[in-house]
Amino acid sequence: MLKSYTFNLIIFIVLIIQIDIFTKISASRQELTWTDNTAFGCNFTFNDTFKKIESIEKDKCKSNCIQTYGCSHFVWNKNKNGTCILKKNDISQDNLVISNDLTSMCGIVEGNPLVNDVHTLKHVYINDEGACLLPAESYAIKYPIALGNRETLDYLKFRPQLCGHVLEIDCGLGKFDAVIMNSNFGGGLELYESLWEAAVPKRNKKMNEARCNVTLSKKNPFTSTDYKCYHGTDQTDNVYFRSLGLFNTRGKVVVAAQMNGRNGTLTENGYFTFYNFGTEEDLVTFYFEFGGSYSVYLKDCPGNSKKQQWS
């Protein structure tokens, strides 16, 4: 009887402690003043640092995060004449806690770095599937774009992992969203006719070239909000060969895929190939560039017999 009483007392004390901690954390968040995605005297609950900059002023920490691909949030503290800690992965204000260092600053960056003054031409082909061979879907983004690999594109230089992602461009007539569905090796950006006509000023159309600012958007290309896995072909029951891709990831770039302990091979169209195994009850796991993963059964990855046509 005494043992039962003691055990229940321990459980009760643990619950009280947990409630107290949660209450303090909640109160701490309420005490923080959040302005322009920045607060003072705070820190984040996750240790997901990927870069530190020392001897830096407080007001330069946020701009460093904005200019660094993969940085989603940051913390500045007074250590070592000012240390800026750049962090990665999804985060929200719910992950904020009060810091013992009341001079510290933390913040969240919502977008990716802007790449300025990219040489841009008009794409001359129409009704094109493009190198990415994207699935025929209900697209929220109507404009297509071909992405080159010039050094001036910086982190946006074409790589198969960017197939199906959304770029936000501004060529002088405001911001437009476009789906990466083709490559343009040796060049900058190539706008398909529909986007060229909408986004490029008349003076640039006469010169047949433009200069555009561009960033990797976190918008989904499809009208749905869920991640969407597709086979790269219509072979969804071939146990000897699988071609698989993950789309609609809200800007998260997939860099690897694994099934039954084996790594897939990335192909030029952004799909991962697996050989000699794979039933519909197997799970494929896709890994994102800055951490995190998503798993899905092969039976939930439809075939891609019909490719999206772009013009």
C-alpha atoms as a PDB file:
ATOM      1  CA  MET A   1       0.000   0.000   0.000  1.00  0.00           C
ATOM      2  CA  LEU A   2       2.863   2.309   0.934  1.00  0.00           C
ATOM      3  CA  LYS A   3       4.654   1.534  -2.338  1.00  0.00           C
ATOM      4  CA  SER A   4       1.519   2.388  -4.338  1.00  0.00           C
ATOM      5  CA  TYR A   5       1.140   5.684  -2.430  1.00  0.00           C
ATOM      6  CA  THR A   6       4.809   6.567  -2.987  1.00  0.00           C
ATOM      7  CA  PHE A   7       4.570   5.786  -6.711  1.00  0.00           C
ATOM      8  CA  ASN A   8       1.441   7.937  -7.130  1.00  0.00           C
ATOM      9  CA  LEU A   9       3.114  10.765  -5.184  1.00  0.00           C
ATOM     10  CA  ILE A  10       6.137  10.649  -7.524  1.00  0.00           C
ATOM     11  CA  ILE A  11       3.881  10.757 -10.587  1.00  0.00           C
ATOM     12  CA  PHE A  12       2.018  13.729  -9.106  1.00  0.00           C
ATOM     13  CA  ILE A  13       5.255  15.626  -8.393  1.00  0.00           C
ATOM     14  CA  VAL A  14       6.547  14.972 -11.932  1.00  0.00           C
ATOM     15  CA  LEU A  15       3.308  16.317 -13.409  1.00  0.00           C
ATOM     16  CA  ILE A  16       3.484  19.420 -11.219  1.00  0.00           C
ATOM     17  CA  ILE A  17       7.079  20.050 -12.359  1.00  0.00           C
ATOM     18  CA  GLN A  18       6.120  19.607 -16.019  1.00  0.00           C
ATOM     19  CA  ILE A  19       3.184  21.995 -15.644  1.00  0.00           C
ATOM     20  CA  ASP A  20       5.424  24.515 -13.878  1.00  0.00           C
ATOM     21  CA  ILE A  21       8.053  24.324 -16.634  1.00  0.00           C
ATOM     22  CA  PHE A  22       5.419  24.706 -19.350  1.00  0.00           C
ATOM     23  CA  THR A  23       3.871  27.663 -17.497  1.00  0.00           C
ATOM     24  CA  LYS A  24       7.241  29.380 -17.157  1.00  0.00           C
ATOM     25  CA  ILE A  25       8.083  28.819 -20.815  1.00  0.00           C
ATOM     26  CA  SER A  26       4.701  30.178 -21.893  1.00  0.00           C
ATOM     27  CA  ALA A  27       5.104  33.184 -19.615  1.00  0.00           C
ATOM     28  CA  SER A  28       8.609  33.726 -20.960  1.00  0.00           C
ATOM     29  CA  ARG A  29       7.344  33.835 -24.515  1.00  0.00           C
ATOM     30  CA  GLN A  30       4.677  36.325 -23.566  1.00  0.00           C
ATOM     31  CA  GLU A  31       7.292  38.566 -21.936  1.00  0.00           C
ATOM     32  CA  LEU A  32       9.358  38.722 -25.131  1.00  0.00           C
ATOM     33  CA  THR A  33       8.607  41.605 -27.453  1.00  0.00           C
ATOM     34  CA  TRP A  34       8.538  40.374 -31.038  1.00  0.00           C
ATOM     35  CA  THR A  35       9.080  43.084 -33.649  1.00  0.00           C
ATOM     36  CA  ASP A  36       9.820  42.530 -37.338  1.00  0.00           C
ATOM     37  CA  ASN A  37      10.576  38.844 -36.646  1.00  0.00           C
ATOM     38  CA  THR A  38      13.189  39.863 -34.054  1.00  0.00           C
ATOM     39  CA  ALA A  39      13.280  39.827 -30.238  1.00  0.00           C
ATOM     40  CA  PHE A  40      15.820  40.661 -27.520  1.00  0.00           C
ATOM     41  CA  GLY A  41      16.945  38.690 -24.479  1.00  0.00           C
ATOM     42  CA  CYS A  42      16.026  35.361 -26.057  1.00  0.00           C
ATOM     43  CA  ASN A  43      17.242  32.098 -27.529  1.00  0.00           C
ATOM     44  CA  PHE A  44      15.815  29.118 -29.405  1.00  0.00           C
ATOM     45  CA  THR A  45      15.120  25.724 -27.858  1.00  0.00           C
ATOM     46  CA  PHE A  46      16.824  23.753 -30.657  1.00  0.00           C
ATOM     47  CA  ASN A  47      20.585  23.507 -31.129  1.00  0.00           C
ATOM     48  CA  ASP A  48      20.719  23.487 -34.941  1.00  0.00           C
ATOM     49  CA  THR A  49      23.715  25.726 -35.591  1.00  0.00           C
ATOM     50  CA  PHE A  50      25.481  25.513 -38.934  1.00  0.00           C
ATOM     51  CA  LYS A  51      27.664  28.636 -38.868  1.00  0.00           C
ATOM     52  CA  LYS A  52      29.152  31.040 -36.321  1.00  0.00           C
ATOM     53  CA  ILE A  53      30.516  34.519 -37.013  1.00  0.00           C
ATOM     54  CA  GLU A  54      32.623  36.178 -34.324  1.00  0.00           C
ATOM     55  CA  SER A  55      33.482  39.840 -33.685  1.00  0.00           C
ATOM     56  CA  ILE A  56      30.333  41.079 -35.372  1.00  0.00           C
ATOM     57  CA  GLU A  57      27.944  43.859 -34.458  1.00  0.00           C
ATOM     58  CA  LYS A  58      24.430  42.961 -33.345  1.00  0.00           C
ATOM     59  CA  ASP A  59      22.653  44.779 -36.180  1.00  0.00           C
ATOM     60  CA  LYS A  60      24.642  42.856 -38.818  1.00  0.00           C
ATOM     61  CA  CYS A  61      23.637  39.392 -37.627  1.00  0.00           C
ATOM     62  CA  LYS A  62      20.195  39.408 -39.230  1.00  0.00           C
ATOM     63  CA  SER A  63      21.544  40.611 -42.590  1.00  0.00           C
ATOM     64  CA  ASN A  64      24.103  37.777 -42.541  1.00  0.00           C
ATOM     65  CA  CYS A  65      21.301  35.271 -42.040  1.00  0.00           C
ATOM     66  CA  ILE A  66      19.270  36.820 -44.859  1.00  0.00           C
ATOM     67  CA  GLN A  67      22.256  36.582 -47.195  1.00  0.00           C
ATOM     68  CA  THR A  68      23.134  32.976 -46.268  1.00  0.00           C
ATOM     69  CA  TYR A  69      21.365  30.166 -48.087  1.00  0.00           C
ATOM     70  CA  GLY A  70      19.868  27.744 -45.584  1.00  0.00           C
ATOM     71  CA  CYS A  71      19.736  30.164 -42.652  1.00  0.00           C
ATOM     72  CA  SER A  72      16.203  30.198 -41.220  1.00  0.00           C
ATOM     73  CA  HIS A  73      16.874  31.843 -37.837  1.00  0.00           C
ATOM     74  CA  PHE A  74      19.708  33.392 -35.858  1.00  0.00           C
ATOM     75  CA  VAL A  75      20.942  34.332 -32.385  1.00  0.00           C
ATOM     76  CA  TRP A  76      23.416  37.086 -31.464  1.00  0.00           C
ATOM     77  CA  ASN A  77      25.160  37.217 -28.100  1.00  0.00           C
ATOM     78  CA  LYS A  78      27.939  39.344 -26.600  1.00  0.00           C
ATOM     79  CA  ASN A  79      30.533  36.544 -26.410  1.00  0.00           C
ATOM     80  CA  LYS A  80      33.869  37.126 -28.190  1.00  0.00           C
ATOM     81  CA  ASN A  81      33.110  40.730 -29.073  1.00  0.00           C
ATOM     82  CA  GLY A  82      29.760  39.699 -30.526  1.00  0.00           C
ATOM     83  CA  THR A  83      28.916  36.248 -31.896  1.00  0.00           C
ATOM     84  CA  CYS A  84      26.303  35.671 -34.591  1.00  0.00           C
ATOM     85  CA  ILE A  85      24.975  32.115 -34.664  1.00  0.00           C
ATOM     86  CA  LEU A  86      23.230  31.140 -37.892  1.00  0.00           C
ATOM     87  CA  LYS A  87      20.735  28.301 -37.547  1.00  0.00           C
ATOM     88  CA  LYS A  88      18.801  26.035 -39.908  1.00  0.00           C
ATOM     89  CA  ASN A  89      15.502  24.080 -40.130  1.00  0.00           C
ATOM     90  CA  ASP A  90      11.900  25.148 -39.633  1.00  0.00           C
ATOM     91  CA  ILE A  91      11.293  27.283 -36.575  1.00  0.00           C
ATOM     92  CA  SER A  92       8.567  29.465 -35.070  1.00  0.00           C
ATOM     93  CA  GLN A  93       8.025  31.832 -32.152  1.00  0.00           C
ATOM     94  CA  ASP A  94       6.893  28.806 -30.136  1.00  0.00           C
ATOM     95  CA  ASN A  95      10.559  27.760 -29.970  1.00  0.00           C
ATOM     96  CA  LEU A  96      11.627  30.990 -28.249  1.00  0.00           C
ATOM     97  CA  VAL A  97      12.827  31.053 -24.632  1.00  0.00           C
ATOM     98  CA  ILE A  98      14.157  33.857 -22.460  1.00  0.00           C
ATOM     99  CA  SER A  99      17.946  33.985 -22.283  1.00  0.00           C
ATOM    100  CA  ASN A 100      20.089  34.789 -19.257  1.00  0.00           C
ATOM    101  CA  ASP A 101      21.848  37.266 -21.536  1.00  0.00           C
ATOM    102  CA  LEU A 102      19.380  40.141 -21.774  1.00  0.00           C
ATOM    103  CA  THR A 103      21.545  41.793 -24.458  1.00  0.00           C
ATOM    104  CA  SER A 104      21.135  38.827 -26.820  1.00  0.00           C
ATOM    105  CA  MET A 105      18.992  39.048 -29.949  1.00  0.00           C
ATOM    106  CA  CYS A 106      17.242  36.358 -31.955  1.00  0.00           C
ATOM    107  CA  GLY A 107      15.154  36.356 -35.076  1.00  0.00           C
ATOM    108  CA  ILE A 108      13.534  34.394 -37.883  1.00  0.00           C
ATOM    109  CA  VAL A 109      14.211  34.825 -41.595  1.00  0.00           C
ATOM    110  CA  GLU A 110      11.337  33.756 -43.820  1.00  0.00           C
ATOM    111  CA  GLY A 111      12.890  33.828 -47.286  1.00  0.00           C
ATOM    112  CA  ASN A 112      16.041  32.793 -49.150  1.00  0.00           C
ATOM    113  CA  PRO A 113      18.826  35.123 -50.342  1.00  0.00           C
ATOM    114  CA  LEU A 114      18.152  37.342 -53.347  1.00  0.00           C
ATOM    115  CA  VAL A 115      20.420  36.934 -56.378  1.00  0.00           C
ATOM    116  CA  ASN A 116      20.598  40.197 -58.306  1.00  0.00           C
ATOM    117  CA  ASP A 117      21.108  41.190 -61.926  1.00  0.00           C
ATOM    118  CA  VAL A 118      20.908  37.763 -63.579  1.00  0.00           C
ATOM    119  CA  HIS A 119      21.247  37.694 -67.360  1.00  0.00           C
ATOM    120  CA  THR A 120      17.888  36.604 -68.777  1.00  0.00           C
ATOM    121  CA  LEU A 121      16.741  35.515 -72.247  1.00  0.00           C
ATOM    122  CA  LYS A 122      13.519  34.319 -73.844  1.00  0.00           C
ATOM    123  CA  HIS A 123      13.087  30.574 -74.238  1.00  0.00           C
ATOM    124  CA  VAL A 124      12.422  29.851 -77.906  1.00  0.00           C
ATOM    125  CA  TYR A 125      10.683  26.464 -77.705  1.00  0.00           C
ATOM    126  CA  ILE A 126       6.996  25.901 -76.916  1.00  0.00           C
ATOM    127  CA  ASN A 127       4.967  22.951 -75.625  1.00  0.00           C
ATOM    128  CA  ASP A 128       8.046  21.688 -73.878  1.00  0.00           C
ATOM    129  CA  GLU A 129       8.260  18.988 -71.179  1.00  0.00           C
ATOM    130  CA  GLY A 130      11.662  20.273 -70.095  1.00  0.00           C
ATOM    131  CA  ALA A 131      14.581  18.379 -68.617  1.00  0.00           C
ATOM    132  CA  CYS A 132      12.811  17.912 -65.281  1.00  0.00           C
ATOM    133  CA  LEU A 133       9.876  15.892 -66.667  1.00  0.00           C
ATOM    134  CA  LEU A 134       7.476  17.187 -64.037  1.00  0.00           C
ATOM    135  CA  PRO A 135       4.207  15.297 -63.464  1.00  0.00           C
ATOM    136  CA  ALA A 136       0.939  16.527 -64.938  1.00  0.00           C
ATOM    137  CA  GLU A 137      -0.692  18.069 -61.866  1.00  0.00           C
ATOM    138  CA  SER A 138      -2.932  20.908 -60.763  1.00  0.00           C
ATOM    139  CA  TYR A 139      -0.364  23.703 -60.668  1.00  0.00           C
ATOM    140  CA  ALA A 140      -0.789  26.800 -58.522  1.00  0.00           C
ATOM    141  CA  ILE A 141       2.103  28.403 -60.416  1.00  0.00           C
ATOM    142  CA  LYS A 142       1.348  28.866 -64.109  1.00  0.00           C
ATOM    143  CA  TYR A 143       4.671  30.164 -65.415  1.00  0.00           C
ATOM    144  CA  PRO A 144       7.614  27.889 -66.364  1.00  0.00           C
ATOM    145  CA  ILE A 145      11.306  28.797 -66.288  1.00  0.00           C
ATOM    146  CA  ALA A 146      14.594  27.257 -67.389  1.00  0.00           C
ATOM    147  CA  LEU A 147      17.464  27.664 -64.932  1.00  0.00           C
ATOM    148  CA  GLY A 148      21.088  27.998 -65.973  1.00  0.00           C
ATOM    149  CA  ASN A 149      24.372  27.342 -64.199  1.00  0.00           C
ATOM    150  CA  ARG A 150      26.275  30.616 -64.451  1.00  0.00           C
ATOM    151  CA  GLU A 151      28.354  31.475 -61.397  1.00  0.00           C
ATOM    152  CA  THR A 152      26.322  34.678 -60.964  1.00  0.00           C
ATOM    153  CA  LEU A 153      23.356  32.508 -59.956  1.00  0.00           C
ATOM    154  CA  ASP A 154      25.225  31.551 -56.786  1.00  0.00           C
ATOM    155  CA  TYR A 155      23.195  28.972 -54.789  1.00  0.00           C
ATOM    156  CA  LEU A 156      20.605  28.887 -57.568  1.00  0.00           C
ATOM    157  CA  LYS A 157      22.876  27.349 -60.196  1.00  0.00           C
ATOM    158  CA  PHE A 158      20.912  24.526 -61.805  1.00  0.00           C
ATOM    159  CA  ARG A 159      21.091  21.146 -60.146  1.00  0.00           C
ATOM    160  CA  PRO A 160      18.539  18.339 -60.573  1.00  0.00           C
ATOM    161  CA  GLN A 161      17.426  18.717 -56.947  1.00  0.00           C
ATOM    162  CA  LEU A 162      15.852  22.079 -57.861  1.00  0.00           C
ATOM    163  CA  CYS A 163      13.458  20.556 -60.416  1.00  0.00           C
ATOM    164  CA  GLY A 164       9.880  21.455 -59.539  1.00  0.00           C
ATOM    165  CA  HIS A 165      10.804  24.217 -57.112  1.00  0.00           C
ATOM    166  CA  VAL A 166       9.473  27.755 -57.440  1.00  0.00           C
ATOM    167  CA  LEU A 167      11.540  30.835 -58.240  1.00  0.00           C
ATOM    168  CA  GLU A 168      10.382  34.373 -57.533  1.00  0.00           C
ATOM    169  CA  ILE A 169      11.736  36.745 -60.171  1.00  0.00           C
ATOM    170  CA  ASP A 170      11.590  40.489 -60.735  1.00  0.00           C
ATOM    171  CA  CYS A 171      12.697  41.785 -64.138  1.00  0.00           C
ATOM    172  CA  GLY A 172      11.328  45.287 -63.677  1.00  0.00           C
ATOM    173  CA  LEU A 173       7.555  44.787 -63.741  1.00  0.00           C
ATOM    174  CA  GLY A 174       7.089  43.341 -60.272  1.00  0.00           C
ATOM    175  CA  LYS A 175       7.408  39.870 -58.781  1.00  0.00           C
ATOM    176  CA  PHE A 176       6.377  36.708 -60.633  1.00  0.00           C
ATOM    177  CA  ASP A 177       6.523  33.058 -59.550  1.00  0.00           C
ATOM    178  CA  ALA A 178       7.787  30.399 -61.944  1.00  0.00           C
ATOM    179  CA  VAL A 179       8.353  26.628 -61.733  1.00  0.00           C
ATOM    180  CA  ILE A 180      11.829  25.286 -62.511  1.00  0.00           C
ATOM    181  CA  MET A 181      11.106  22.705 -65.199  1.00  0.00           C
ATOM    182  CA  ASN A 182      14.129  22.914 -67.483  1.00  0.00           C
ATOM    183  CA  SER A 183      17.873  23.525 -67.496  1.00  0.00           C
ATOM    184  CA  ASN A 184      19.782  26.140 -69.447  1.00  0.00           C
ATOM    185  CA  PHE A 185      23.422  25.118 -69.207  1.00  0.00           C
ATOM    186  CA  GLY A 186      25.870  27.940 -69.758  1.00  0.00           C
ATOM    187  CA  GLY A 187      23.212  30.601 -69.267  1.00  0.00           C
ATOM    188  CA  GLY A 188      21.330  32.498 -66.609  1.00  0.00           C
ATOM    189  CA  LEU A 189      17.535  32.454 -66.718  1.00  0.00           C
ATOM    190  CA  GLU A 190      15.366  31.571 -69.705  1.00  0.00           C
ATOM    191  CA  LEU A 191      11.743  32.698 -69.522  1.00  0.00           C
ATOM    192  CA  TYR A 192       9.100  30.875 -71.502  1.00  0.00           C
ATOM    193  CA  GLU A 193       6.930  33.084 -73.686  1.00  0.00           C
ATOM    194  CA  SER A 194       4.069  33.444 -71.211  1.00  0.00           C
ATOM    195  CA  LEU A 195       6.422  34.636 -68.457  1.00  0.00           C
ATOM    196  CA  TRP A 196       8.551  36.725 -70.821  1.00  0.00           C
ATOM    197  CA  GLU A 197       5.507  38.657 -71.989  1.00  0.00           C
ATOM    198  CA  ALA A 198       4.241  39.222 -68.445  1.00  0.00           C
ATOM    199  CA  ALA A 199       7.452  39.984 -66.557  1.00  0.00           C
ATOM    200  CA  VAL A 200       9.826  41.773 -68.967  1.00  0.00           C
ATOM    201  CA  PRO A 201       9.593  45.521 -69.779  1.00  0.00           C
ATOM    202  CA  LYS A 202       9.108  46.539 -73.418  1.00  0.00           C
ATOM    203  CA  ARG A 203      12.555  48.109 -73.715  1.00  0.00           C
ATOM    204  CA  ASN A 204      14.165  44.799 -72.748  1.00  0.00           C
ATOM    205  CA  LYS A 205      11.957  42.822 -75.107  1.00  0.00           C
ATOM    206  CA  LYS A 206      13.282  44.965 -77.961  1.00  0.00           C
ATOM    207  CA  MET A 207      16.847  44.087 -76.935  1.00  0.00           C
ATOM    208  CA  ASN A 208      15.880  40.396 -76.516  1.00  0.00           C
ATOM    209  CA  GLU A 209      17.467  40.255 -73.073  1.00  0.00           C
ATOM    210  CA  ALA A 210      16.779  41.397 -69.524  1.00  0.00           C
ATOM    211  CA  ARG A 211      18.394  41.565 -66.094  1.00  0.00           C
ATOM    212  CA  CYS A 212      16.355  39.970 -63.324  1.00  0.00           C
ATOM    213  CA  ASN A 213      16.549  39.512 -59.564  1.00  0.00           C
ATOM    214  CA  VAL A 214      15.660  36.024 -58.388  1.00  0.00           C
ATOM    215  CA  THR A 215      15.244  33.994 -55.201  1.00  0.00           C
ATOM    216  CA  LEU A 216      14.183  30.461 -54.285  1.00  0.00           C
ATOM    217  CA  SER A 217      10.608  30.697 -53.039  1.00  0.00           C
ATOM    218  CA  LYS A 218       9.033  28.587 -50.309  1.00  0.00           C
ATOM    219  CA  LYS A 219       5.758  28.366 -52.218  1.00  0.00           C
ATOM    220  CA  ASN A 220       4.405  25.067 -53.480  1.00  0.00           C
ATOM    221  CA  PRO A 221       4.076  24.536 -57.242  1.00  0.00           C
ATOM    222  CA  PHE A 222       0.856  22.474 -56.861  1.00  0.00           C
ATOM    223  CA  THR A 223      -2.515  23.658 -55.594  1.00  0.00           C
ATOM    224  CA  SER A 224      -2.420  20.987 -52.864  1.00  0.00           C
ATOM    225  CA  THR A 225      -0.523  21.579 -49.637  1.00  0.00           C
ATOM    226  CA  ASP A 226       0.820  18.060 -49.028  1.00  0.00           C
ATOM    227  CA  TYR A 227       4.133  16.580 -50.102  1.00  0.00           C
ATOM    228  CA  LYS A 228       3.622  14.615 -53.330  1.00  0.00           C
ATOM    229  CA  CYS A 229       5.680  11.564 -54.292  1.00  0.00           C
ATOM    230  CA  TYR A 230       5.710  10.456 -57.925  1.00  0.00           C
ATOM    231  CA  HIS A 231       7.271   7.685 -59.929  1.00  0.00           C
ATOM    232  CA  GLY A 232       9.367   9.107 -62.737  1.00  0.00           C
ATOM    233  CA  THR A 233       7.776   6.668 -65.174  1.00  0.00           C
ATOM    234  CA  ASP A 234       4.513   4.729 -65.439  1.00  0.00           C
ATOM    235  CA  GLN A 235       6.220   1.628 -63.999  1.00  0.00           C
ATOM    236  CA  THR A 236       4.746   1.478 -60.521  1.00  0.00           C
ATOM    237  CA  ASP A 237       4.876  -2.308 -60.133  1.00  0.00           C
ATOM    238  CA  ASN A 238       8.378  -3.071 -61.405  1.00  0.00           C
ATOM    239  CA  VAL A 239      10.206  -4.811 -58.525  1.00  0.00           C
ATOM    240  CA  TYR A 240      13.547  -4.450 -60.351  1.00  0.00           C
ATOM    241  CA  PHE A 241      13.504  -0.728 -61.043  1.00  0.00           C
ATOM    242  CA  ARG A 242      12.061   2.343 -59.354  1.00  0.00           C
ATOM    243  CA  SER A 243      12.324   6.009 -60.245  1.00  0.00           C
ATOM    244  CA  LEU A 244      10.991   8.274 -57.491  1.00  0.00           C
ATOM    245  CA  GLY A 245      10.772  11.998 -56.769  1.00  0.00           C
ATOM    246  CA  LEU A 246       9.255  14.177 -54.062  1.00  0.00           C
ATOM    247  CA  PHE A 247       7.549  17.478 -54.906  1.00  0.00           C
ATOM    248  CA  ASN A 248       5.544  20.233 -53.225  1.00  0.00           C
ATOM    249  CA  THR A 249       7.950  20.507 -50.288  1.00  0.00           C
ATOM    250  CA  ARG A 250       7.505  24.240 -49.570  1.00  0.00           C
ATOM    251  CA  GLY A 251      10.999  25.085 -50.726  1.00  0.00           C
ATOM    252  CA  LYS A 252      12.811  22.253 -48.938  1.00  0.00           C
ATOM    253  CA  VAL A 253      15.334  20.747 -51.348  1.00  0.00           C
ATOM    254  CA  VAL A 254      15.570  16.944 -51.412  1.00  0.00           C
ATOM    255  CA  VAL A 255      19.202  15.840 -51.661  1.00  0.00           C
ATOM    256  CA  ALA A 256      18.996  12.093 -51.024  1.00  0.00           C
ATOM    257  CA  ALA A 257      16.579   9.166 -50.968  1.00  0.00           C
ATOM    258  CA  GLN A 258      16.819   5.756 -49.343  1.00  0.00           C
ATOM    259  CA  MET A 259      14.825   2.536 -49.533  1.00  0.00           C
ATOM    260  CA  ASN A 260      15.478  -0.643 -47.559  1.00  0.00           C
ATOM    261  CA  GLY A 261      18.827   0.711 -46.453  1.00  0.00           C
ATOM    262  CA  ARG A 262      19.981   1.485 -49.989  1.00  0.00           C
ATOM    263  CA  ASN A 263      20.659   4.921 -51.387  1.00  0.00           C
ATOM    264  CA  GLY A 264      18.960   6.016 -54.575  1.00  0.00           C
ATOM    265  CA  THR A 265      20.935   7.457 -57.483  1.00  0.00           C
ATOM    266  CA  LEU A 266      19.998  11.018 -58.430  1.00  0.00           C
ATOM    267  CA  THR A 267      19.303  11.443 -62.143  1.00  0.00           C
ATOM    268  CA  GLU A 268      19.404  14.575 -64.289  1.00  0.00           C
ATOM    269  CA  ASN A 269      15.633  15.057 -64.046  1.00  0.00           C
ATOM    270  CA  GLY A 270      15.583  15.156 -60.244  1.00  0.00           C
ATOM    271  CA  TYR A 271      14.264  11.616 -59.654  1.00  0.00           C
ATOM    272  CA  PHE A 272      16.099   8.951 -57.646  1.00  0.00           C
ATOM    273  CA  THR A 273      16.537   5.480 -59.151  1.00  0.00           C
ATOM    274  CA  PHE A 274      16.637   2.176 -57.273  1.00  0.00           C
ATOM    275  CA  TYR A 275      17.502  -1.194 -58.802  1.00  0.00           C
ATOM    276  CA  ASN A 276      16.678  -4.840 -58.048  1.00  0.00           C
ATOM    277  CA  PHE A 277      14.059  -4.381 -55.333  1.00  0.00           C
ATOM    278  CA  GLY A 278      10.980  -2.490 -54.253  1.00  0.00           C
ATOM    279  CA  THR A 279       7.393  -3.601 -53.555  1.00  0.00           C
ATOM    280  CA  GLU A 280       4.402  -1.343 -53.027  1.00  0.00           C
ATOM    281  CA  GLU A 281       4.599  -1.937 -49.267  1.00  0.00           C
ATOM    282  CA  ASP A 282       8.160  -0.600 -49.046  1.00  0.00           C
ATOM    283  CA  LEU A 283       8.907   2.830 -47.651  1.00  0.00           C
ATOM    284  CA  VAL A 284      11.082   5.358 -49.443  1.00  0.00           C
ATOM    285  CA  THR A 285      12.599   8.129 -47.317  1.00  0.00           C
ATOM    286  CA  PHE A 286      13.569  11.476 -48.813  1.00  0.00           C
ATOM    287  CA  TYR A 287      16.143  13.635 -47.000  1.00  0.00           C
ATOM    288  CA  PHE A 288      16.138  17.433 -47.069  1.00  0.00           C
ATOM    289  CA  GLU A 289      19.190  19.600 -47.579  1.00  0.00           C
ATOM    290  CA  PHE A 290      19.213  21.283 -44.170  1.00  0.00           C
ATOM    291  CA  GLY A 291      17.866  18.448 -42.058  1.00  0.00           C
ATOM    292  CA  GLY A 292      14.652  16.487 -41.737  1.00  0.00           C
ATOM    293  CA  SER A 293      13.113  13.765 -43.862  1.00  0.00           C
ATOM    294  CA  TYR A 294       9.839  12.460 -45.220  1.00  0.00           C
ATOM    295  CA  SER A 295       8.827   8.814 -45.715  1.00  0.00           C
ATOM    296  CA  VAL A 296       6.091   7.452 -47.961  1.00  0.00           C
ATOM    297  CA  TYR A 297       4.962   4.025 -49.180  1.00  0.00           C
ATOM    298  CA  LEU A 298       5.659   3.222 -52.816  1.00  0.00           C
ATOM    299  CA  LYS A 299       1.970   2.466 -53.315  1.00  0.00           C
ATOM    300  CA  ASP A 300       1.254   6.119 -52.513  1.00  0.00           C
ATOM    301  CA  CYS A 301       3.551   7.352 -55.309  1.00  0.00           C
ATOM    302  CA  PRO A 302       1.479   7.406 -58.536  1.00  0.00           C
ATOM    303  CA  GLY A 303       2.963   6.814 -61.963  1.00  0.00           C
ATOM    304  CA  ASN A 304       4.142   9.659 -64.153  1.00  0.00           C
ATOM    305  CA  SER A 305       3.133   8.484 -67.612  1.00  0.00           C
ATOM    306  CA  LYS A 306       1.930  11.945 -68.642  1.00  0.00           C
ATOM    307  CA  LYS A 307       4.337  14.857 -68.257  1.00  0.00           C
ATOM    308  CA  GLN A 308       3.339  18.483 -67.760  1.00  0.00           C
ATOM    309  CA  GLN A 309       3.546  20.539 -70.959  1.00  0.00           C
ATOM    310  CA  TRP A 310       4.823  24.119 -70.686  1.00  0.00           C
ATOM    311  CA  SER A 311       4.799  27.100 -73.008  1.00  0.00           C
END
